[in-house]
Amino acid sequence: MALFGTDGVRGLANGPLTADLALSLAQATAVVLGQGRSAEARRAAGKRITAVVARDPRISGEFLSAAVAAGLASSGVDVYDAGVLPTPAAAFLIADIDADFGVMVSASHNPAPDNGIKIFARGGAKLPDLVEQRIEYAIAGQKLQPTGADVGRIRRFADAEDRYVVHLLQSLPHRLEGLHVVLDCAHGAAAGVSPETFRDAGARVTVIGADPDGLNINDGVGSTHLDHLSAEVLRSGADLGIAHDGDADRCLAVDAAGNTIDGDQIMAILAAAMQDRGVLREDTLVATVMSNLGLHRAMEARGIRVVQTAVGDRYVLEAMNANGYTLGGEQSGHVIMSEFATTGDGVLTGLHLMAEMARQGKTLAELASIMTVFPQVLLNVKDVDRTRVADAAVSAAVAAAETELGGGGRVLLRASGTEQLVRVMVEAEHVDDAHRIAERLADVVRTHLTL
């Protein structure tokens, strides 16, 4: 079974994800990313190989990030320990100090017992599949074992947070005076940096979910639990609420009435704004196959093309990098603004969303009305053979459903990348139709793909 998933190595801390594995993974990373052409050129110029290491505040991140730092330093890599910071901050800092690579210890929106290790290349970009495979193979290979002055040093990255905050503020096209926002930091990596940045940008800020204790990350708060945020927005009379996940690479929002504004709606607002300013490259937005049909229709009405990718912000980023596109993301709130970031950045996204409210003098609900969200039903059909999702009977059922929906809906069947299940997604103009067709397709999958 592959070690790397869709977003790094993830699992139960001290279950499959042990300190030994973290150390070995760091040593293998040093072999693969510390031995390339650019690294050799750096050595030839008398410079040392460097890496940025950061983590979210879950308790296991303390020993796992220590193991990562030890593995890198024992391989001759100088480590800049940035402490608790969002994933996009780590990615930014790699580029900002011209480090050779970086490591983020986080399990994102997962519960506290889980953790993960994400590796970024020079410039702060996520690794392609081939490089991850090379690192996985290198775990069993020869390690770098320098001695004396050639071993790595571990230093505290003292101004890491300040560098990131300055970068965020410099990206803003408009300040946020006059707006009141409730921030839900998920008791995660954004708890320190996000409130500070929004206040520095001029907003009035109310904060929830900003008391991490190592165990409460994502626990009933954050982008996967919006009820508390909606309630606080209504209680405080705020203009909007913004929710991050545990490592703050996501942003979801709620409007002044407490209604959810998802990643598709946020992308629609930002795409239109960037088009107006002439910075939406080739009038193109990159989104995954899971994005709502309403997004496609709204963008078509604006003359904006939507390029679709597989699910996962890494695939969105690959398409953006290949063509120089400037905006992309996922319904889940991973939004990538490539002019300012190499990965989804929940703080950056929230700032720019509010900047557009301030610029136009409109409420978030008014801005979000750019698109009509089609009812979307997603069913997970478990204990089926995911490798046979293209079975003839299943394909025929999908074709029949698409014919029934005509241009007023969409069907997607997708095999899980990690479990024996198939995801059935149906969009329709009416929610009853979406439920009915999704249930029918789920029955076909159960019948024909049974294990």
Protein backbone atom coordinates (compact mmCIF):
# COMPACT_ATOMS: atom_id res chain seq x y z
CA MET A 1 0.00 0.00 0.00
CA ALA A 2 1.30 3.47 -0.92
CA LEU A 3 2.59 5.56 1.95
CA PHE A 4 1.54 8.90 0.43
CA GLY A 5 -2.13 9.72 -0.01
CA THR A 6 -3.76 12.64 -1.78
CA ASP A 7 -2.18 15.12 0.64
CA GLY A 8 0.99 13.71 2.12
CA VAL A 9 1.33 10.93 4.69
CA ARG A 10 -1.54 10.80 7.16
CA GLY A 11 -2.73 8.47 9.91
CA LEU A 12 -3.24 7.90 13.61
CA ALA A 13 -0.28 9.39 15.48
CA ASN A 14 1.62 6.57 17.20
CA GLY A 15 -0.53 4.19 15.20
CA PRO A 16 0.86 3.89 11.68
CA LEU A 17 2.38 7.38 11.94
CA THR A 18 5.18 6.94 14.46
CA ALA A 19 8.22 9.01 15.40
CA ASP A 20 10.37 6.35 13.70
CA LEU A 21 8.41 6.77 10.45
CA ALA A 22 8.63 10.57 10.67
CA LEU A 23 12.40 10.38 11.16
CA SER A 24 12.84 7.89 8.30
CA LEU A 25 10.62 9.94 6.02
CA ALA A 26 12.66 13.06 6.78
CA GLN A 27 15.91 11.22 6.07
CA ALA A 28 14.53 9.92 2.77
CA THR A 29 13.33 13.42 1.87
CA ALA A 30 16.84 14.75 2.48
CA VAL A 31 18.21 12.12 0.10
CA VAL A 32 15.75 12.94 -2.70
CA LEU A 33 15.28 16.70 -2.34
CA GLY A 34 18.72 17.50 -0.94
CA GLN A 35 20.64 15.88 -3.79
CA GLY A 36 19.20 17.52 -6.92
CA ARG A 37 20.86 19.87 -9.37
CA SER A 38 19.90 23.03 -7.46
CA ALA A 39 21.13 21.52 -4.19
CA GLU A 40 24.47 20.60 -5.75
CA ALA A 41 24.78 24.13 -7.12
CA ARG A 42 24.11 25.49 -3.64
CA ARG A 43 26.82 23.28 -2.16
CA ALA A 44 29.24 24.30 -4.90
CA ALA A 45 28.63 27.94 -3.91
CA GLY A 46 29.49 27.10 -0.31
CA LYS A 47 25.88 27.23 0.90
CA ARG A 48 24.12 24.68 3.06
CA ILE A 49 20.91 22.76 2.34
CA THR A 50 18.01 24.27 4.27
CA ALA A 51 14.43 23.31 5.11
CA VAL A 52 11.47 24.94 6.86
CA VAL A 53 9.52 22.82 9.37
CA ALA A 54 6.16 23.88 10.82
CA ARG A 55 3.18 22.20 12.49
CA ASP A 56 -0.37 22.68 13.66
CA PRO A 57 -1.01 22.68 17.46
CA ARG A 58 -2.16 19.09 17.94
CA ILE A 59 -0.22 17.43 20.73
CA SER A 60 1.41 14.73 18.58
CA GLY A 61 2.89 17.44 16.37
CA GLU A 62 5.42 18.14 19.08
CA PHE A 63 7.14 14.76 18.88
CA LEU A 64 6.55 14.29 15.16
CA SER A 65 8.02 17.66 14.18
CA ALA A 66 10.96 16.95 16.51
CA ALA A 67 11.50 13.62 14.72
CA VAL A 68 11.31 15.34 11.33
CA ALA A 69 13.82 17.97 12.40
CA ALA A 70 16.13 15.27 13.78
CA GLY A 71 15.94 13.25 10.58
CA LEU A 72 16.76 16.29 8.46
CA ALA A 73 19.57 17.57 10.68
CA SER A 74 21.13 14.11 10.88
CA SER A 75 21.20 14.17 7.07
CA GLY A 76 23.07 17.47 6.90
CA VAL A 77 20.07 19.77 6.40
CA ASP A 78 19.81 23.03 8.35
CA VAL A 79 16.30 23.29 9.80
CA TYR A 80 14.36 26.50 10.36
CA ASP A 81 11.74 25.57 12.96
CA ALA A 82 8.74 27.88 12.41
CA GLY A 83 6.66 26.33 15.20
CA VAL A 84 2.86 26.49 14.96
CA LEU A 85 1.81 28.13 11.70
CA PRO A 86 -0.70 27.46 8.90
CA THR A 87 0.30 25.15 6.06
CA PRO A 88 0.25 28.01 3.51
CA ALA A 89 2.55 30.00 5.80
CA ALA A 90 5.08 27.16 5.67
CA ALA A 91 4.81 27.04 1.88
CA PHE A 92 5.29 30.81 1.63
CA LEU A 93 8.30 30.80 3.95
CA ILE A 94 10.09 28.14 1.88
CA ALA A 95 10.04 30.52 -1.06
CA ASP A 96 10.64 33.63 1.04
CA ILE A 97 13.97 32.42 2.45
CA ASP A 98 14.85 30.35 -0.64
CA ALA A 99 14.92 27.09 1.31
CA ASP A 100 15.47 23.84 -0.58
CA PHE A 101 12.23 22.31 0.69
CA GLY A 102 9.92 22.21 3.70
CA VAL A 103 7.79 19.94 5.86
CA MET A 104 4.41 20.65 7.46
CA VAL A 105 3.21 18.36 10.25
CA SER A 106 -0.59 18.46 10.19
CA ALA A 107 -3.67 16.35 9.57
CA SER A 108 -5.67 19.36 8.37
CA HIS A 109 -9.38 18.94 9.23
CA ASN A 110 -8.95 15.49 10.83
CA PRO A 111 -9.56 14.97 14.57
CA ALA A 112 -6.77 15.49 17.10
CA PRO A 113 -5.53 11.84 17.38
CA ASP A 114 -4.56 11.90 13.68
CA ASN A 115 -1.59 13.66 12.20
CA GLY A 116 0.18 13.96 8.89
CA ILE A 117 3.36 14.98 7.11
CA LYS A 118 3.20 17.20 4.01
CA ILE A 119 6.35 17.87 2.03
CA PHE A 120 6.90 20.90 -0.17
CA ALA A 121 9.56 21.40 -2.83
CA ARG A 122 11.67 24.50 -3.43
CA GLY A 123 9.39 27.46 -3.97
CA GLY A 124 6.69 26.00 -1.71
CA ALA A 125 5.03 23.75 -4.29
CA LYS A 126 3.49 20.40 -3.40
CA LEU A 127 5.38 17.39 -4.69
CA PRO A 128 4.30 15.55 -7.84
CA ASP A 129 3.40 11.87 -7.48
CA LEU A 130 6.70 10.70 -8.98
CA VAL A 131 8.80 12.56 -6.42
CA GLU A 132 6.68 11.20 -3.57
CA GLN A 133 7.30 7.69 -4.93
CA ARG A 134 11.04 8.35 -4.99
CA ILE A 135 10.94 9.46 -1.34
CA GLU A 136 8.96 6.36 -0.40
CA TYR A 137 11.51 4.11 -2.11
CA ALA A 138 14.38 6.00 -0.47
CA ILE A 139 13.13 5.09 3.03
CA ALA A 140 14.61 1.62 2.55
CA GLY A 141 17.82 2.93 0.96
CA GLN A 142 21.10 4.39 2.10
CA LYS A 143 20.79 7.41 4.40
CA LEU A 144 22.97 10.50 4.42
CA GLN A 145 25.16 10.36 7.52
CA PRO A 146 27.48 13.36 7.62
CA THR A 147 29.69 13.93 10.63
CA GLY A 148 31.31 16.84 12.39
CA ALA A 149 30.56 20.27 10.95
CA ASP A 150 28.54 18.74 8.11
CA VAL A 151 25.55 17.75 10.25
CA GLY A 152 22.57 20.07 10.15
CA ARG A 153 21.63 22.72 12.69
CA ILE A 154 18.12 23.33 14.07
CA ARG A 155 17.26 27.01 14.54
CA ARG A 156 14.11 28.76 15.72
CA PHE A 157 12.60 30.71 12.81
CA ALA A 158 12.03 33.77 14.98
CA ASP A 159 10.29 36.09 12.49
CA ALA A 160 8.33 33.45 10.58
CA GLU A 161 4.88 34.74 11.61
CA ASP A 162 5.79 38.38 10.95
CA ARG A 163 7.01 37.58 7.45
CA TYR A 164 3.76 35.78 6.65
CA VAL A 165 1.51 38.53 8.04
CA VAL A 166 3.35 41.22 6.06
CA HIS A 167 3.00 39.12 2.91
CA LEU A 168 -0.77 38.73 3.44
CA LEU A 169 -1.32 42.43 4.07
CA GLN A 170 0.71 43.42 1.03
CA SER A 171 -1.51 41.23 -1.17
CA LEU A 172 -4.71 43.13 -0.36
CA PRO A 173 -6.30 45.30 -3.07
CA HIS A 174 -8.50 47.10 -0.52
CA ARG A 175 -8.52 47.53 3.25
CA LEU A 176 -11.31 46.16 5.44
CA GLU A 177 -12.41 49.17 7.53
CA GLY A 178 -16.10 49.17 8.37
CA LEU A 179 -16.51 45.39 8.31
CA HIS A 180 -17.11 43.16 11.33
CA VAL A 181 -16.03 39.53 10.94
CA VAL A 182 -16.27 36.51 13.22
CA LEU A 183 -13.25 34.23 12.76
CA ASP A 184 -13.42 30.54 13.64
CA CYS A 185 -9.85 29.30 13.87
CA ALA A 186 -10.75 25.63 14.59
CA HIS A 187 -8.46 25.66 17.66
CA GLY A 188 -5.82 25.18 14.99
CA ALA A 189 -2.80 26.69 13.30
CA ALA A 190 -4.55 29.98 12.46
CA ALA A 191 -5.42 30.79 16.10
CA GLY A 192 -2.56 33.25 16.44
CA VAL A 193 -1.98 34.63 12.98
CA SER A 194 -5.48 35.00 11.53
CA PRO A 195 -7.06 37.39 14.08
CA GLU A 196 -3.92 39.53 14.07
CA THR A 197 -3.92 39.82 10.29
CA PHE A 198 -7.60 40.69 9.90
CA ARG A 199 -7.27 43.37 12.60
CA ASP A 200 -4.16 44.79 10.92
CA ALA A 201 -6.15 44.93 7.67
CA GLY A 202 -8.71 47.18 9.35
CA ALA A 203 -11.54 44.80 10.24
CA ARG A 204 -13.36 44.59 13.54
CA VAL A 205 -12.76 41.00 14.68
CA THR A 206 -14.61 38.63 16.98
CA VAL A 207 -12.82 35.32 17.51
CA ILE A 208 -14.02 31.81 18.35
CA GLY A 209 -12.13 28.51 18.23
CA ALA A 210 -8.82 30.15 19.05
CA ASP A 211 -7.80 28.37 22.25
CA PRO A 212 -5.81 25.33 21.12
CA ASP A 213 -4.76 22.92 23.85
CA GLY A 214 -3.31 20.20 21.63
CA LEU A 215 -6.44 18.06 21.87
CA ASN A 216 -9.35 20.25 20.75
CA ILE A 217 -8.35 20.99 17.15
CA ASN A 218 -11.38 20.72 14.81
CA ASP A 219 -13.52 19.55 17.75
CA GLY A 220 -16.95 20.93 16.84
CA VAL A 221 -15.42 24.04 15.32
CA GLY A 222 -13.81 25.12 12.08
CA SER A 223 -14.74 24.72 8.43
CA THR A 224 -16.34 21.30 8.95
CA HIS A 225 -18.60 22.52 11.78
CA LEU A 226 -20.18 25.87 10.89
CA ASP A 227 -23.07 25.92 13.38
CA HIS A 228 -21.17 27.78 16.12
CA LEU A 229 -19.87 30.31 13.61
CA SER A 230 -23.35 30.99 12.24
CA ALA A 231 -24.74 31.41 15.75
CA GLU A 232 -21.98 33.86 16.74
CA VAL A 233 -22.45 35.92 13.57
CA LEU A 234 -26.16 36.27 14.38
CA ARG A 235 -25.51 36.97 18.07
CA SER A 236 -22.89 39.64 17.42
CA GLY A 237 -24.54 41.21 14.38
CA ALA A 238 -21.37 40.71 12.33
CA ASP A 239 -21.22 41.24 8.58
CA LEU A 240 -19.91 37.72 8.00
CA GLY A 241 -18.08 34.79 9.50
CA ILE A 242 -14.97 33.03 8.20
CA ALA A 243 -13.99 29.49 9.17
CA HIS A 244 -10.59 27.86 8.79
CA ASP A 245 -9.72 24.21 9.22
CA GLY A 246 -6.97 22.86 11.46
CA ASP A 247 -4.06 23.92 9.26
CA ALA A 248 -5.84 26.96 7.74
CA ASP A 249 -5.49 26.01 4.10
CA ARG A 250 -9.30 26.23 3.76
CA CYS A 251 -11.79 29.05 4.01
CA LEU A 252 -15.56 28.75 4.21
CA ALA A 253 -17.84 31.61 5.15
CA VAL A 254 -21.29 32.46 6.44
CA ASP A 255 -23.20 35.63 5.54
CA ALA A 256 -24.86 38.04 7.96
CA ALA A 257 -27.94 35.80 8.09
CA GLY A 258 -25.85 32.76 9.03
CA ASN A 259 -26.12 31.08 5.61
CA THR A 260 -23.15 29.01 4.41
CA ILE A 261 -21.03 30.39 1.56
CA ASP A 262 -18.99 27.47 0.24
CA GLY A 263 -15.80 27.29 -1.78
CA ASP A 264 -17.61 27.39 -5.12
CA GLN A 265 -19.39 30.61 -4.20
CA ILE A 266 -16.17 32.14 -2.89
CA MET A 267 -14.40 31.24 -6.14
CA ALA A 268 -17.22 32.77 -8.17
CA ILE A 269 -16.94 36.04 -6.22
CA LEU A 270 -13.14 36.15 -6.53
CA ALA A 271 -13.15 35.16 -10.21
CA ALA A 272 -15.52 37.98 -11.08
CA ALA A 273 -13.48 40.45 -9.03
CA MET A 274 -10.21 39.37 -10.61
CA GLN A 275 -11.76 39.54 -14.07
CA ASP A 276 -12.88 43.11 -13.36
CA ARG A 277 -9.32 44.02 -12.31
CA GLY A 278 -7.80 42.28 -15.34
CA VAL A 279 -5.82 39.76 -13.28
CA LEU A 280 -7.79 36.58 -14.03
CA ARG A 281 -5.38 34.95 -16.46
CA GLU A 282 -7.09 34.02 -19.74
CA ASP A 283 -10.45 34.55 -18.00
CA THR A 284 -10.12 31.01 -16.63
CA LEU A 285 -10.99 29.39 -13.31
CA VAL A 286 -9.72 25.92 -12.36
CA ALA A 287 -12.10 23.74 -10.32
CA THR A 288 -12.54 20.04 -9.59
CA VAL A 289 -15.19 17.70 -10.95
CA MET A 290 -17.06 18.10 -7.64
CA SER A 291 -17.73 21.81 -8.10
CA ASN A 292 -21.38 22.75 -8.39
CA LEU A 293 -23.09 23.11 -11.76
CA GLY A 294 -24.18 26.54 -10.60
CA LEU A 295 -20.54 27.65 -10.62
CA HIS A 296 -20.18 26.59 -14.25
CA ARG A 297 -23.34 28.47 -15.25
CA ALA A 298 -22.34 31.61 -13.38
CA MET A 299 -18.90 31.64 -14.93
CA GLU A 300 -20.30 31.01 -18.41
CA ALA A 301 -22.56 34.04 -17.98
CA ARG A 302 -19.47 36.13 -17.17
CA GLY A 303 -17.43 34.78 -20.07
CA ILE A 304 -15.15 32.87 -17.71
CA ARG A 305 -14.00 29.40 -18.72
CA VAL A 306 -13.91 26.63 -16.09
CA VAL A 307 -11.17 24.00 -16.41
CA GLN A 308 -11.95 20.80 -14.48
CA THR A 309 -9.48 18.56 -12.65
CA ALA A 310 -9.59 15.49 -10.42
CA VAL A 311 -10.49 16.03 -6.76
CA GLY A 312 -7.58 17.40 -4.72
CA ASP A 313 -6.03 20.85 -4.54
CA ARG A 314 -2.73 19.43 -5.79
CA TYR A 315 -4.38 18.62 -9.13
CA VAL A 316 -5.92 22.07 -9.27
CA LEU A 317 -2.48 23.55 -8.69
CA GLU A 318 -0.88 21.35 -11.36
CA ALA A 319 -3.39 22.62 -13.94
CA MET A 320 -2.84 26.19 -12.82
CA ASN A 321 0.94 25.92 -13.01
CA ALA A 322 0.88 24.20 -16.39
CA ASN A 323 -1.05 27.07 -17.96
CA GLY A 324 -0.29 30.06 -15.79
CA TYR A 325 -3.85 30.40 -14.45
CA THR A 326 -4.29 32.64 -11.44
CA LEU A 327 -7.33 31.23 -9.59
CA GLY A 328 -8.52 27.75 -8.74
CA GLY A 329 -9.87 25.66 -5.92
CA GLU A 330 -12.38 23.26 -4.46
CA GLN A 331 -15.89 23.38 -3.06
CA SER A 332 -14.41 22.45 0.33
CA GLY A 333 -12.75 25.85 0.59
CA HIS A 334 -9.26 25.18 -0.74
CA VAL A 335 -8.81 28.30 -2.87
CA ILE A 336 -5.50 28.97 -4.62
CA MET A 337 -4.57 32.49 -5.69
CA SER A 338 -1.34 31.78 -7.52
CA GLU A 339 -0.19 35.40 -7.57
CA PHE A 340 0.26 35.16 -3.81
CA ALA A 341 0.36 31.48 -2.82
CA THR A 342 1.41 28.04 -3.98
CA THR A 343 -1.33 26.23 -2.09
CA GLY A 344 -4.77 26.84 -0.64
CA ASP A 345 -4.61 29.64 1.93
CA GLY A 346 -7.65 30.18 4.14
CA VAL A 347 -6.43 33.44 5.65
CA LEU A 348 -5.52 34.92 2.26
CA THR A 349 -8.85 33.84 0.79
CA GLY A 350 -10.85 35.34 3.64
CA LEU A 351 -8.98 38.63 3.40
CA HIS A 352 -9.61 38.94 -0.33
CA LEU A 353 -13.26 37.96 0.07
CA MET A 354 -13.74 40.77 2.58
CA ALA A 355 -11.71 43.18 0.45
CA GLU A 356 -14.23 42.67 -2.32
CA MET A 357 -17.10 43.38 0.10
CA ALA A 358 -15.37 46.60 1.12
CA ARG A 359 -14.54 47.61 -2.46
CA GLN A 360 -18.06 47.16 -3.77
CA GLY A 361 -19.89 48.16 -0.61
CA LYS A 362 -22.02 45.03 -0.86
CA THR A 363 -23.00 42.35 1.64
CA LEU A 364 -21.61 38.86 1.30
CA ALA A 365 -25.08 37.59 0.39
CA GLU A 366 -25.27 40.11 -2.45
CA LEU A 367 -21.86 39.06 -3.76
CA ALA A 368 -22.71 35.34 -3.46
CA SER A 369 -25.86 35.83 -5.54
CA ILE A 370 -23.59 35.75 -8.58
CA MET A 371 -24.31 32.00 -8.65
CA THR A 372 -27.32 29.82 -7.94
CA VAL A 373 -26.31 26.69 -6.04
CA PHE A 374 -27.84 23.55 -7.50
CA PRO A 375 -29.01 20.98 -4.93
CA GLN A 376 -26.26 18.38 -4.66
CA VAL A 377 -26.64 14.91 -3.15
CA LEU A 378 -23.55 12.81 -2.37
CA LEU A 379 -23.89 9.16 -1.31
CA ASN A 380 -21.03 6.87 -0.28
CA VAL A 381 -21.75 3.30 -1.36
CA LYS A 382 -19.59 1.09 0.87
CA ASP A 383 -18.25 -2.46 0.52
CA VAL A 384 -18.25 -2.47 -3.27
CA ASP A 385 -15.49 -3.10 -5.80
CA ARG A 386 -14.29 0.43 -6.55
CA THR A 387 -12.06 -0.82 -9.39
CA ARG A 388 -15.15 -1.70 -11.47
CA VAL A 389 -16.82 1.71 -11.39
CA ALA A 390 -16.86 1.67 -15.21
CA ASP A 391 -18.94 -1.55 -15.27
CA ALA A 392 -21.31 -1.63 -18.27
CA ALA A 393 -24.52 -1.79 -16.21
CA VAL A 394 -23.38 1.07 -14.01
CA SER A 395 -22.36 3.16 -17.01
CA ALA A 396 -25.75 2.53 -18.63
CA ALA A 397 -27.53 3.68 -15.47
CA VAL A 398 -25.44 6.84 -15.38
CA ALA A 399 -26.23 7.54 -19.04
CA ALA A 400 -29.95 7.10 -18.37
CA ALA A 401 -29.78 9.48 -15.41
CA GLU A 402 -27.96 12.09 -17.48
CA THR A 403 -30.60 11.83 -20.18
CA GLU A 404 -33.34 12.29 -17.60
CA LEU A 405 -31.65 15.39 -16.17
CA GLY A 406 -30.89 16.89 -19.56
CA GLY A 407 -29.11 20.21 -19.15
CA GLY A 408 -30.65 20.71 -15.72
CA GLY A 409 -28.29 18.55 -13.70
CA ARG A 410 -25.16 16.46 -13.51
CA VAL A 411 -24.05 12.97 -12.44
CA LEU A 412 -20.63 11.88 -11.19
CA LEU A 413 -19.49 8.46 -9.96
CA ARG A 414 -16.06 8.38 -8.37
CA ALA A 415 -14.10 5.56 -6.77
CA SER A 416 -12.57 6.36 -3.39
CA GLY A 417 -8.80 6.53 -3.39
CA THR A 418 -8.46 4.84 0.01
CA GLU A 419 -11.58 2.78 0.79
CA GLN A 420 -13.71 0.13 -0.90
CA LEU A 421 -16.49 2.53 -1.74
CA VAL A 422 -17.90 4.48 -4.66
CA ARG A 423 -19.14 8.05 -4.32
CA VAL A 424 -22.36 8.87 -6.16
CA MET A 425 -22.98 12.58 -6.72
CA VAL A 426 -26.10 13.97 -8.39
CA GLU A 427 -27.01 17.62 -8.98
CA ALA A 428 -30.46 18.72 -10.12
CA GLU A 429 -32.61 21.83 -10.17
CA HIS A 430 -34.85 20.25 -7.51
CA VAL A 431 -33.49 18.47 -4.44
CA ASP A 432 -36.13 15.69 -4.61
CA ASP A 433 -34.94 14.77 -8.10
CA ALA A 434 -31.33 14.74 -6.95
CA HIS A 435 -32.16 12.40 -4.03
CA ARG A 436 -34.27 10.08 -6.16
CA ILE A 437 -31.69 9.68 -8.91
CA ALA A 438 -28.79 9.34 -6.46
CA GLU A 439 -30.56 6.57 -4.53
CA ARG A 440 -31.35 4.76 -7.76
CA LEU A 441 -27.73 4.90 -8.92
CA ALA A 442 -26.51 3.80 -5.49
CA ASP A 443 -28.75 0.72 -5.75
CA VAL A 444 -27.26 -0.10 -9.16
CA VAL A 445 -23.73 0.22 -7.75
CA ARG A 446 -24.57 -2.06 -4.80
CA THR A 447 -26.12 -4.66 -7.10
CA HIS A 448 -23.46 -4.78 -9.78
CA LEU A 449 -20.24 -3.97 -7.89
CA THR A 450 -20.77 -6.14 -4.82
CA LEU A 451 -17.60 -7.71 -3.43
